Amino acid sequence: MADCKQNKKVRQKEIPKGKSIVQSENPEQYYMQSPAWTFANADKERWPFSKEHIGECIWSEIIPGLKAMESQTWAEILVKGKKRNHSINLNDLNKIARDRLAEMYIEAESIISLRLSGNHRLYGYISGRVFNILWYDNNHGDNDECVCRARLKHT
């Protein structure tokens, strides 16, 4: 009554035309590379890279911090130094920061925070091995003015 379907073979008239999608590189290959920086997408309105907002910190803190990180790989920066430098879920960002990302047409899965000193951070996203710097936050902490609020424990 019922035919045995175990021996049934699927026949294909021809192989579908079109390009096959093949991943040519390991998506985590950048971990083994040293970082590069770009300021091309830096926000000009909120937490900007401007003389008024940064002042002399560019020479005393930002440039030396970036130079020091250039001698490391992304694995050393983000994995070994995960207490200082780490990715942040977009939902954990300040609402102003999330809105700025949308206004700037930036669709990142997460934002990376690089710690320069106590409460000074660089925020951006990685594309390949290049860190696209978005913001310089000189007031990181438990406040509503920073890019990503750091909730103090036991308060």
C-alpha atoms as a PDB file:
ATOM      1  CA  MET A   1       0.000   0.000   0.000  1.00  0.00           C
ATOM      2  CA  ALA A   2       2.680   2.575   0.959  1.00  0.00           C
ATOM      3  CA  ASP A   3       5.848   2.756  -1.081  1.00  0.00           C
ATOM      4  CA  CYS A   4       9.140   2.681   0.738  1.00  0.00           C
ATOM      5  CA  LYS A   5      10.577   6.210   0.493  1.00  0.00           C
ATOM      6  CA  GLN A   6      14.014   5.251   1.764  1.00  0.00           C
ATOM      7  CA  ASN A   7      15.242   4.431  -1.735  1.00  0.00           C
ATOM      8  CA  LYS A   8      13.813   7.507  -3.372  1.00  0.00           C
ATOM      9  CA  LYS A   9      16.420   9.742  -5.025  1.00  0.00           C
ATOM     10  CA  VAL A  10      16.002  13.422  -5.693  1.00  0.00           C
ATOM     11  CA  ARG A  11      16.706  14.309  -9.298  1.00  0.00           C
ATOM     12  CA  GLN A  12      17.844  17.743 -10.269  1.00  0.00           C
ATOM     13  CA  LYS A  13      17.424  18.963 -13.818  1.00  0.00           C
ATOM     14  CA  GLU A  14      20.335  21.400 -13.587  1.00  0.00           C
ATOM     15  CA  ILE A  15      22.565  23.131 -11.076  1.00  0.00           C
ATOM     16  CA  PRO A  16      21.097  26.512 -10.050  1.00  0.00           C
ATOM     17  CA  LYS A  17      22.867  29.440 -11.628  1.00  0.00           C
ATOM     18  CA  GLY A  18      24.266  32.258  -9.581  1.00  0.00           C
ATOM     19  CA  LYS A  19      27.194  33.028  -7.411  1.00  0.00           C
ATOM     20  CA  SER A  20      27.792  30.888  -4.413  1.00  0.00           C
ATOM     21  CA  ILE A  21      28.458  32.710  -1.190  1.00  0.00           C
ATOM     22  CA  VAL A  22      31.783  31.658   0.198  1.00  0.00           C
ATOM     23  CA  GLN A  23      33.390  33.280   3.173  1.00  0.00           C
ATOM     24  CA  SER A  24      36.892  34.094   2.044  1.00  0.00           C
ATOM     25  CA  GLU A  25      38.335  35.156   5.398  1.00  0.00           C
ATOM     26  CA  ASN A  26      37.974  34.306   9.020  1.00  0.00           C
ATOM     27  CA  PRO A  27      35.750  37.035  10.519  1.00  0.00           C
ATOM     28  CA  GLU A  28      37.861  37.052  13.675  1.00  0.00           C
ATOM     29  CA  GLN A  29      41.136  37.371  11.789  1.00  0.00           C
ATOM     30  CA  TYR A  30      41.482  40.971  12.984  1.00  0.00           C
ATOM     31  CA  TYR A  31      42.232  39.646  16.489  1.00  0.00           C
ATOM     32  CA  MET A  32      45.714  38.717  15.295  1.00  0.00           C
ATOM     33  CA  GLN A  33      46.364  42.110  13.696  1.00  0.00           C
ATOM     34  CA  SER A  34      47.576  45.344  15.206  1.00  0.00           C
ATOM     35  CA  PRO A  35      45.025  48.155  15.296  1.00  0.00           C
ATOM     36  CA  ALA A  36      44.711  51.088  12.953  1.00  0.00           C
ATOM     37  CA  TRP A  37      42.667  54.208  13.649  1.00  0.00           C
ATOM     38  CA  THR A  38      40.415  56.504  11.674  1.00  0.00           C
ATOM     39  CA  PHE A  39      38.706  59.697  12.736  1.00  0.00           C
ATOM     40  CA  ALA A  40      36.660  59.963   9.513  1.00  0.00           C
ATOM     41  CA  ASN A  41      33.382  59.057  11.260  1.00  0.00           C
ATOM     42  CA  ALA A  42      34.003  60.978  14.476  1.00  0.00           C
ATOM     43  CA  ASP A  43      30.886  62.726  15.733  1.00  0.00           C
ATOM     44  CA  LYS A  44      31.099  66.480  15.398  1.00  0.00           C
ATOM     45  CA  GLU A  45      28.156  67.281  17.672  1.00  0.00           C
ATOM     46  CA  ARG A  46      28.109  65.060  20.756  1.00  0.00           C
ATOM     47  CA  TRP A  47      31.334  64.027  22.591  1.00  0.00           C
ATOM     48  CA  PRO A  48      33.244  65.496  19.610  1.00  0.00           C
ATOM     49  CA  PHE A  49      36.882  65.569  18.649  1.00  0.00           C
ATOM     50  CA  SER A  50      37.233  69.299  18.948  1.00  0.00           C
ATOM     51  CA  LYS A  51      39.728  71.567  20.665  1.00  0.00           C
ATOM     52  CA  GLU A  52      36.962  72.845  22.960  1.00  0.00           C
ATOM     53  CA  HIS A  53      35.975  69.355  24.109  1.00  0.00           C
ATOM     54  CA  ILE A  54      39.372  67.636  24.202  1.00  0.00           C
ATOM     55  CA  GLY A  55      41.806  70.448  24.871  1.00  0.00           C
ATOM     56  CA  GLU A  56      45.376  69.357  25.562  1.00  0.00           C
ATOM     57  CA  CYS A  57      44.327  65.749  26.287  1.00  0.00           C
ATOM     58  CA  ILE A  58      44.918  64.977  22.623  1.00  0.00           C
ATOM     59  CA  TRP A  59      48.676  65.314  23.215  1.00  0.00           C
ATOM     60  CA  SER A  60      48.949  64.105  26.805  1.00  0.00           C
ATOM     61  CA  GLU A  61      46.517  61.192  26.742  1.00  0.00           C
ATOM     62  CA  ILE A  62      44.849  60.268  23.427  1.00  0.00           C
ATOM     63  CA  ILE A  63      47.828  60.131  21.045  1.00  0.00           C
ATOM     64  CA  PRO A  64      50.099  58.380  23.614  1.00  0.00           C
ATOM     65  CA  GLY A  65      47.287  55.914  24.405  1.00  0.00           C
ATOM     66  CA  LEU A  66      46.712  55.076  20.743  1.00  0.00           C
ATOM     67  CA  LYS A  67      50.470  54.770  20.145  1.00  0.00           C
ATOM     68  CA  ALA A  68      50.776  52.325  23.046  1.00  0.00           C
ATOM     69  CA  MET A  69      47.951  50.177  21.679  1.00  0.00           C
ATOM     70  CA  GLU A  70      49.521  50.046  18.205  1.00  0.00           C
ATOM     71  CA  SER A  71      52.229  47.739  19.528  1.00  0.00           C
ATOM     72  CA  GLN A  72      49.573  45.192  20.570  1.00  0.00           C
ATOM     73  CA  THR A  73      47.129  43.005  18.653  1.00  0.00           C
ATOM     74  CA  TRP A  74      43.374  43.329  18.943  1.00  0.00           C
ATOM     75  CA  ALA A  75      43.400  40.075  20.942  1.00  0.00           C
ATOM     76  CA  GLU A  76      45.727  41.648  23.498  1.00  0.00           C
ATOM     77  CA  ILE A  77      43.656  44.835  23.619  1.00  0.00           C
ATOM     78  CA  LEU A  78      40.180  43.280  23.798  1.00  0.00           C
ATOM     79  CA  VAL A  79      40.723  39.817  25.277  1.00  0.00           C
ATOM     80  CA  LYS A  80      43.632  40.193  27.667  1.00  0.00           C
ATOM     81  CA  GLY A  81      42.671  43.767  28.527  1.00  0.00           C
ATOM     82  CA  LYS A  82      38.915  43.159  28.714  1.00  0.00           C
ATOM     83  CA  LYS A  83      38.596  45.015  32.017  1.00  0.00           C
ATOM     84  CA  ARG A  84      39.919  48.179  30.364  1.00  0.00           C
ATOM     85  CA  ASN A  85      38.696  47.691  26.793  1.00  0.00           C
ATOM     86  CA  HIS A  86      35.542  45.864  25.816  1.00  0.00           C
ATOM     87  CA  SER A  87      32.502  45.795  23.574  1.00  0.00           C
ATOM     88  CA  ILE A  88      29.236  47.318  24.708  1.00  0.00           C
ATOM     89  CA  ASN A  89      25.781  46.182  23.700  1.00  0.00           C
ATOM     90  CA  LEU A  90      23.973  49.009  21.901  1.00  0.00           C
ATOM     91  CA  ASN A  91      21.085  48.803  24.382  1.00  0.00           C
ATOM     92  CA  ASP A  92      23.494  49.681  27.200  1.00  0.00           C
ATOM     93  CA  LEU A  93      24.459  52.987  25.574  1.00  0.00           C
ATOM     94  CA  ASN A  94      23.030  56.323  26.614  1.00  0.00           C
ATOM     95  CA  LYS A  95      19.850  57.078  24.603  1.00  0.00           C
ATOM     96  CA  ILE A  96      21.588  60.130  23.130  1.00  0.00           C
ATOM     97  CA  ALA A  97      24.403  57.878  21.868  1.00  0.00           C
ATOM     98  CA  ARG A  98      21.926  55.414  20.321  1.00  0.00           C
ATOM     99  CA  ASP A  99      20.098  58.299  18.636  1.00  0.00           C
ATOM    100  CA  ARG A 100      23.398  59.735  17.333  1.00  0.00           C
ATOM    101  CA  LEU A 101      24.299  56.362  15.796  1.00  0.00           C
ATOM    102  CA  ALA A 102      20.975  56.353  13.941  1.00  0.00           C
ATOM    103  CA  GLU A 103      21.414  59.967  12.813  1.00  0.00           C
ATOM    104  CA  MET A 104      24.918  59.157  11.556  1.00  0.00           C
ATOM    105  CA  TYR A 105      23.622  56.031   9.742  1.00  0.00           C
ATOM    106  CA  ILE A 106      25.970  53.756  11.648  1.00  0.00           C
ATOM    107  CA  GLU A 107      24.730  50.198  11.998  1.00  0.00           C
ATOM    108  CA  ALA A 108      27.144  48.419  14.297  1.00  0.00           C
ATOM    109  CA  GLU A 109      26.470  45.254  16.273  1.00  0.00           C
ATOM    110  CA  SER A 110      28.235  46.716  19.278  1.00  0.00           C
ATOM    111  CA  ILE A 111      30.398  49.650  20.250  1.00  0.00           C
ATOM    112  CA  ILE A 112      33.923  49.238  21.589  1.00  0.00           C
ATOM    113  CA  SER A 113      35.128  51.195  24.615  1.00  0.00           C
ATOM    114  CA  LEU A 114      38.863  51.856  24.921  1.00  0.00           C
ATOM    115  CA  ARG A 115      39.975  53.170  28.320  1.00  0.00           C
ATOM    116  CA  LEU A 116      42.579  55.915  28.173  1.00  0.00           C
ATOM    117  CA  SER A 117      42.630  56.837  31.855  1.00  0.00           C
ATOM    118  CA  GLY A 118      40.395  56.832  34.936  1.00  0.00           C
ATOM    119  CA  ASN A 119      37.232  58.271  33.410  1.00  0.00           C
ATOM    120  CA  HIS A 120      38.361  59.019  29.840  1.00  0.00           C
ATOM    121  CA  ARG A 121      37.188  56.693  27.060  1.00  0.00           C
ATOM    122  CA  LEU A 122      37.274  56.413  23.279  1.00  0.00           C
ATOM    123  CA  TYR A 123      34.207  54.827  21.720  1.00  0.00           C
ATOM    124  CA  GLY A 124      33.878  53.450  18.225  1.00  0.00           C
ATOM    125  CA  TYR A 125      33.463  50.323  16.139  1.00  0.00           C
ATOM    126  CA  ILE A 126      35.839  47.971  14.374  1.00  0.00           C
ATOM    127  CA  SER A 127      35.779  47.375  10.645  1.00  0.00           C
ATOM    128  CA  GLY A 128      38.473  44.913   9.633  1.00  0.00           C
ATOM    129  CA  ARG A 129      41.386  45.907  11.845  1.00  0.00           C
ATOM    130  CA  VAL A 130      40.464  49.612  11.793  1.00  0.00           C
ATOM    131  CA  PHE A 131      38.922  51.223  14.857  1.00  0.00           C
ATOM    132  CA  ASN A 132      36.485  53.898  13.674  1.00  0.00           C
ATOM    133  CA  ILE A 133      36.599  56.473  16.443  1.00  0.00           C
ATOM    134  CA  LEU A 134      33.222  58.043  17.164  1.00  0.00           C
ATOM    135  CA  TRP A 135      33.428  59.738  20.549  1.00  0.00           C
ATOM    136  CA  TYR A 136      35.804  60.935  23.236  1.00  0.00           C
ATOM    137  CA  ASP A 137      34.101  60.784  26.626  1.00  0.00           C
ATOM    138  CA  ASN A 138      35.952  62.628  29.392  1.00  0.00           C
ATOM    139  CA  ASN A 139      33.245  62.022  31.999  1.00  0.00           C
ATOM    140  CA  HIS A 140      32.717  58.250  32.048  1.00  0.00           C
ATOM    141  CA  GLY A 141      31.060  57.090  35.232  1.00  0.00           C
ATOM    142  CA  ASP A 142      27.754  56.813  37.022  1.00  0.00           C
ATOM    143  CA  ASN A 143      26.075  59.795  35.362  1.00  0.00           C
ATOM    144  CA  ASP A 144      23.646  60.570  32.546  1.00  0.00           C
ATOM    145  CA  GLU A 145      26.149  62.654  30.547  1.00  0.00           C
ATOM    146  CA  CYS A 146      28.488  59.864  29.469  1.00  0.00           C
ATOM    147  CA  VAL A 147      28.244  57.624  26.398  1.00  0.00           C
ATOM    148  CA  CYS A 148      27.701  54.496  28.489  1.00  0.00           C
ATOM    149  CA  ARG A 149      26.789  54.788  32.130  1.00  0.00           C
ATOM    150  CA  ALA A 150      28.933  52.751  34.526  1.00  0.00           C
ATOM    151  CA  ARG A 151      26.628  51.725  37.332  1.00  0.00           C
ATOM    152  CA  LEU A 152      28.500  51.736  40.619  1.00  0.00           C
ATOM    153  CA  LYS A 153      28.123  48.520  42.596  1.00  0.00           C
ATOM    154  CA  HIS A 154      26.601  48.572  46.067  1.00  0.00           C
ATOM    155  CA  THR A 155      24.925  51.971  45.661  1.00  0.00           C
END
